[in-house]
Amino acid sequence: MRALAPARRPAEPAPSYRGTELALLRPANARSGDLVALQRLAGNEAVQRLAGSKAEPDKIPSLAPGPYTGSRKVNEQMDWFEERQNIFPPAIFQEYGAHPGPWAPLASFFEIYFVRNHHNLNGLSLNTPAREKAAWTIIESHNPGKLPYIREEKTKARRLSALLDAILGQFEAEYRPAHDRCQADYRRSGFRLFHEWMAVRFKRVSWPYSYWSKKGK
């Protein structure tokens, strides 16, 4: 009886440029065929030397998505916000202010004031019709006692300066309770760090993300 021929092993795919590149950079992850092809081209000893000198070091893995507990950990995605919490006041005021609607024409003003200028008025004024009108409307409805002192200024530049002082004071008065309401939401959350909670709350980061949890205190 005729003997059966031994089964042939399936041929490995032909080596490719990317395959030999992987064999050079990360030999442990390469296909055997690509390793053989590279060894034939350069010699095994040369391949080992090149792989040792050019292989990329393994990157430290990021934290797994979701909450983590224990000692303070580096969180590359969230730590950026720790030193940049000045970006959040406009969003806090918009979301938690009692009457944010009249302030809408001043949104760009406060965005620049907080985010770009870090609470500095350099280069900022109410010298556009929309800003000036909104400022007058807010002071007239929320703090009319300021109006005589603003209007008695003899030049428009001085009136606008007085109006600017008044609107900043009014913003501060309305921002404090808005911030308190925001803090109350944060305290009810599972986040241990305010800046991490704000980054998520105001959609500055998207899932997957990690955060330092209140669990396991």
Protein backbone atom coordinates (compact mmCIF):
# COMPACT_ATOMS: atom_id res chain seq x y z
CA MET A 1 0.00 0.00 0.00
CA ARG A 2 1.33 3.37 -0.98
CA ALA A 3 2.44 5.43 2.02
CA LEU A 4 0.79 8.76 2.53
CA ALA A 5 3.05 11.73 2.01
CA PRO A 6 3.63 13.77 5.14
CA ALA A 7 1.35 16.76 5.44
CA ARG A 8 2.92 19.97 4.32
CA ARG A 9 3.16 22.82 6.77
CA PRO A 10 1.33 25.92 5.52
CA ALA A 11 3.78 28.40 4.10
CA GLU A 12 4.26 31.59 6.07
CA PRO A 13 3.37 34.78 4.26
CA ALA A 14 6.20 36.32 2.30
CA PRO A 15 8.28 38.81 4.26
CA SER A 16 7.29 42.44 3.83
CA TYR A 17 9.03 45.74 4.42
CA ARG A 18 6.96 46.34 7.55
CA GLY A 19 7.58 42.78 8.70
CA THR A 20 11.34 43.09 8.46
CA GLU A 21 11.13 46.52 10.08
CA LEU A 22 9.25 44.97 13.02
CA ALA A 23 11.81 42.18 13.17
CA LEU A 24 14.50 44.80 13.54
CA LEU A 25 12.73 47.04 16.05
CA ARG A 26 10.82 44.49 18.12
CA PRO A 27 12.15 40.97 17.44
CA ALA A 28 9.94 39.40 20.14
CA ASN A 29 6.81 40.51 18.29
CA ALA A 30 7.92 39.60 14.76
CA ARG A 31 6.95 36.58 12.64
CA SER A 32 9.58 33.91 12.30
CA GLY A 33 9.61 34.33 8.50
CA ASP A 34 10.45 37.99 8.79
CA LEU A 35 13.22 37.25 11.28
CA VAL A 36 14.71 34.64 8.93
CA ALA A 37 14.51 37.04 5.98
CA LEU A 38 16.26 39.75 7.93
CA GLN A 39 18.94 37.35 9.15
CA ARG A 40 19.61 36.22 5.58
CA LEU A 41 19.98 39.83 4.45
CA ALA A 42 22.29 41.03 7.18
CA GLY A 43 23.53 37.98 9.06
CA ASN A 44 22.30 36.88 12.47
CA GLU A 45 25.01 38.67 14.46
CA ALA A 46 24.37 41.97 12.67
CA VAL A 47 20.62 41.62 13.25
CA GLN A 48 21.16 41.11 16.96
CA ARG A 49 23.41 44.17 17.17
CA LEU A 50 20.98 46.35 15.23
CA ALA A 51 18.00 45.16 17.23
CA GLY A 52 19.82 45.90 20.45
CA SER A 53 20.78 49.42 19.37
CA LYS A 54 17.56 50.52 17.58
CA ALA A 55 14.77 48.78 19.47
CA GLU A 56 12.38 51.26 21.02
CA PRO A 57 12.16 51.00 24.82
CA ASP A 58 8.81 49.74 26.02
CA LYS A 59 6.59 52.69 26.94
CA ILE A 60 5.29 52.74 30.49
CA PRO A 61 1.62 51.81 30.13
CA SER A 62 -0.98 54.41 31.00
CA LEU A 63 -3.32 53.89 33.91
CA ALA A 64 -6.29 51.71 33.17
CA PRO A 65 -9.56 53.53 32.52
CA GLY A 66 -11.71 54.18 35.54
CA PRO A 67 -11.07 55.11 39.15
CA TYR A 68 -7.87 54.29 40.97
CA THR A 69 -7.15 54.49 44.68
CA GLY A 70 -4.16 54.63 46.98
CA SER A 71 -1.30 57.12 46.97
CA ARG A 72 -1.19 60.02 44.51
CA LYS A 73 -0.40 58.71 41.04
CA VAL A 74 0.83 60.38 37.88
CA ASN A 75 -2.08 60.82 35.51
CA GLU A 76 -0.81 62.23 32.22
CA GLN A 77 -4.27 62.88 30.86
CA MET A 78 -5.49 64.81 33.92
CA ASP A 79 -2.40 66.40 35.48
CA TRP A 80 -2.31 69.08 32.75
CA PHE A 81 -5.45 70.61 34.28
CA GLU A 82 -3.99 70.86 37.79
CA GLU A 83 -1.89 73.89 36.85
CA ARG A 84 -4.48 75.29 34.44
CA GLN A 85 -7.64 75.54 36.50
CA ASN A 86 -8.04 79.10 35.20
CA ILE A 87 -9.69 77.60 32.10
CA PHE A 88 -12.76 76.53 34.08
CA PRO A 89 -14.40 79.72 35.53
CA PRO A 90 -16.23 80.66 32.28
CA ALA A 91 -17.72 77.16 32.05
CA ILE A 92 -18.57 77.13 35.78
CA PHE A 93 -20.37 80.47 35.44
CA GLN A 94 -22.24 79.36 32.33
CA GLU A 95 -23.37 76.06 33.86
CA TYR A 96 -23.96 77.09 37.48
CA GLY A 97 -24.68 80.82 37.36
CA ALA A 98 -28.16 81.83 38.45
CA HIS A 99 -28.73 84.12 35.45
CA PRO A 100 -26.00 83.53 32.85
CA GLY A 101 -28.12 84.64 29.87
CA PRO A 102 -27.47 88.42 30.04
CA TRP A 103 -23.74 87.69 30.27
CA ALA A 104 -23.59 85.87 26.91
CA PRO A 105 -22.31 88.92 24.94
CA LEU A 106 -19.40 89.08 27.42
CA ALA A 107 -18.44 85.40 27.02
CA SER A 108 -15.41 86.14 24.84
CA PHE A 109 -14.32 88.89 27.23
CA PHE A 110 -14.24 86.53 30.22
CA GLU A 111 -12.75 83.71 28.18
CA ILE A 112 -9.77 85.95 27.42
CA TYR A 113 -9.71 87.38 30.96
CA PHE A 114 -9.48 83.97 32.65
CA VAL A 115 -8.01 81.58 30.10
CA ARG A 116 -5.47 83.66 28.21
CA ASN A 117 -4.77 86.52 30.62
CA HIS A 118 -4.91 84.64 33.95
CA HIS A 119 -7.14 87.26 35.66
CA ASN A 120 -5.33 90.16 34.01
CA LEU A 121 -7.07 93.01 32.18
CA ASN A 122 -4.20 93.82 29.83
CA GLY A 123 -5.62 94.53 26.39
CA LEU A 124 -9.22 94.06 27.54
CA SER A 125 -12.01 96.62 27.49
CA LEU A 126 -15.73 97.06 26.88
CA ASN A 127 -15.14 99.07 23.72
CA THR A 128 -17.41 97.07 21.42
CA PRO A 129 -21.11 97.92 21.12
CA ALA A 130 -22.26 94.44 22.15
CA ARG A 131 -20.02 94.33 25.23
CA GLU A 132 -20.90 97.86 26.32
CA LYS A 133 -24.63 97.30 25.91
CA ALA A 134 -24.52 94.02 27.83
CA ALA A 135 -22.53 95.62 30.66
CA TRP A 136 -24.99 98.54 31.00
CA THR A 137 -27.94 96.11 30.97
CA ILE A 138 -26.42 93.92 33.70
CA ILE A 139 -25.56 96.83 35.99
CA GLU A 140 -28.96 98.49 35.45
CA SER A 141 -30.78 95.29 36.48
CA HIS A 142 -28.41 93.89 39.13
CA ASN A 143 -26.69 96.86 40.75
CA PRO A 144 -28.43 100.12 39.74
CA GLY A 145 -26.86 102.00 42.63
CA LYS A 146 -23.61 102.05 40.66
CA LEU A 147 -25.10 103.90 37.71
CA PRO A 148 -24.86 107.50 39.02
CA TYR A 149 -21.15 107.08 39.80
CA ILE A 150 -20.46 105.68 36.33
CA ARG A 151 -22.49 108.29 34.47
CA GLU A 152 -20.97 111.25 36.28
CA GLU A 153 -17.58 110.54 34.69
CA LYS A 154 -16.89 113.35 32.21
CA THR A 155 -15.39 111.35 29.30
CA LYS A 156 -16.52 108.16 27.61
CA ALA A 157 -13.17 106.53 28.29
CA ARG A 158 -13.57 107.13 32.03
CA ARG A 159 -17.19 105.98 31.95
CA LEU A 160 -16.16 102.76 30.23
CA SER A 161 -13.42 102.27 32.80
CA ALA A 162 -15.90 102.73 35.64
CA LEU A 163 -18.35 100.43 33.90
CA LEU A 164 -15.61 97.81 33.56
CA ASP A 165 -14.87 98.00 37.29
CA ALA A 166 -18.58 97.62 38.04
CA ILE A 167 -19.06 94.64 35.74
CA LEU A 168 -16.04 92.83 37.19
CA GLY A 169 -17.39 93.38 40.68
CA GLN A 170 -20.81 92.12 39.63
CA PHE A 171 -19.29 89.08 37.96
CA GLU A 172 -17.37 88.24 41.13
CA ALA A 173 -20.56 88.57 43.20
CA GLU A 174 -22.45 86.17 40.91
CA TYR A 175 -19.54 83.82 40.33
CA ARG A 176 -19.04 82.95 44.03
CA PRO A 177 -22.43 81.19 44.45
CA ALA A 178 -22.02 79.55 41.02
CA HIS A 179 -18.66 78.16 42.15
CA ASP A 180 -20.26 76.97 45.42
CA ARG A 181 -22.92 75.07 43.46
CA CYS A 182 -20.21 73.55 41.28
CA GLN A 183 -18.25 72.50 44.38
CA ALA A 184 -21.38 70.87 45.82
CA ASP A 185 -21.71 68.71 42.71
CA TYR A 186 -18.04 67.82 42.94
CA ARG A 187 -18.37 66.78 46.60
CA ARG A 188 -21.21 64.45 45.65
CA SER A 189 -19.05 62.83 42.96
CA GLY A 190 -16.59 59.97 43.34
CA PHE A 191 -13.63 62.18 42.41
CA ARG A 192 -10.99 63.07 44.97
CA LEU A 193 -9.44 65.88 42.91
CA PHE A 194 -11.44 68.92 41.80
CA HIS A 195 -9.46 69.53 38.62
CA GLU A 196 -9.98 65.91 37.47
CA TRP A 197 -13.72 66.17 38.09
CA MET A 198 -13.91 69.49 36.21
CA ALA A 199 -11.98 68.07 33.25
CA VAL A 200 -14.66 65.38 32.94
CA ARG A 201 -17.64 67.56 33.89
CA PHE A 202 -16.83 70.17 31.24
CA LYS A 203 -15.86 67.60 28.60
CA ARG A 204 -12.20 68.54 28.39
CA VAL A 205 -11.36 64.82 28.30
CA SER A 206 -13.25 61.92 26.78
CA TRP A 207 -13.53 58.28 27.79
CA PRO A 208 -11.40 56.33 28.47
CA TYR A 209 -9.91 58.35 31.31
CA SER A 210 -8.56 57.61 34.77
CA TYR A 211 -9.11 59.63 37.92
CA TRP A 212 -8.14 59.48 41.58
CA SER A 213 -11.13 58.11 43.40
CA LYS A 214 -12.48 58.85 46.89
CA LYS A 215 -12.82 55.10 47.37
CA GLY A 216 -10.35 53.44 49.69
CA LYS A 217 -9.42 56.55 51.64
